[in-house]
Amino acid sequence: MDNNLAYIHSIVTGGTVDGPGVRYVIFFQMCPFRCKYCHNPDTWTKNVLGIKTLDSVFSDILKYKNFFSFCGGGATVSGGEPLLQAGFVAELFKKLKEEKIHTAVDTCGYTDITEQVKKAVKYTDLFLLDIKHLDTDKHIALTGKDNKKTLEFLQYLYKNNKKVWIRQVVVPNLTDDDNYIDELISLLNKYSPIIDKVELLPYHKMGEEKWKKLGLKYELNAEPPSPERMKLIRQKIEKSGFEVLLS
């Protein structure tokens, strides 16, 4: 599609969990993953009713420019997977950087490193990289895809010295045991020069009802982790020298 048009699901103008400060968050349509705990399954496919133009989105963001300067916020693209529409993201972020507005991409990293993706990376200040699972087979079982492209994308960000927040959903019996957290810390250590923060997201069931409304079967049989377990994981990662956000 034309880089001046994008399939957009929704927009939140006062986001506080998708990067520093208060954010203008654009949720894009389409995603390559089918995560079993996804709370936005309605973003998986495209809907032409959500098409927006580059100028309309940029003009709307500009309304908040002074507020961003005051609170240290900016604009975040999320999804779905925004890098499936990397050309639009690149053009939007280029215009935002000319206005000195902070830019962030919330991504699963499952993307080919195309010229459009390279351009989007160039104009992005911060990446919120979602790590679904570090074991390939478990990643496939959880998302429907392997984790090779995600790890290659992280390597590309490392080579280009891009700031990254690593996001990890903590699911009991899947990503919460000590061995898994040790593997995660090893990954963090490998890329420590670009890791700005680690964000731990406790698994929740808020998307389950949405799945039912869409006629989808919610298959993940898990309970949210206890606050005590989340605290222990946080302390373990902090002891390795990383700043941890606990949502």
Foldseek 3Di string as FASTA:
>chain_A
DPLFKFQWDDWDQQDPPADFFGETETAGAAAPWDFLQDLPPVRNHGDPVRMDGLVVVLVVQVVCLVVCVVGVYFYEYHYRACCVSLSNLLVNLVVVVVVVGAYEYEHCQQDDCDPSVVSNLVSHQEYEHEDEAPDQVLCCVRIVHGCVRSVVSLVVCLVVLHAYEYEYEDFPPGQQDPVNLVVVLVVCVVSVSRYQAYEYHWRDRNRVVVCVVVVHDNDDDTDTDDPVSVVVSCVVSVVSPHHYHYD
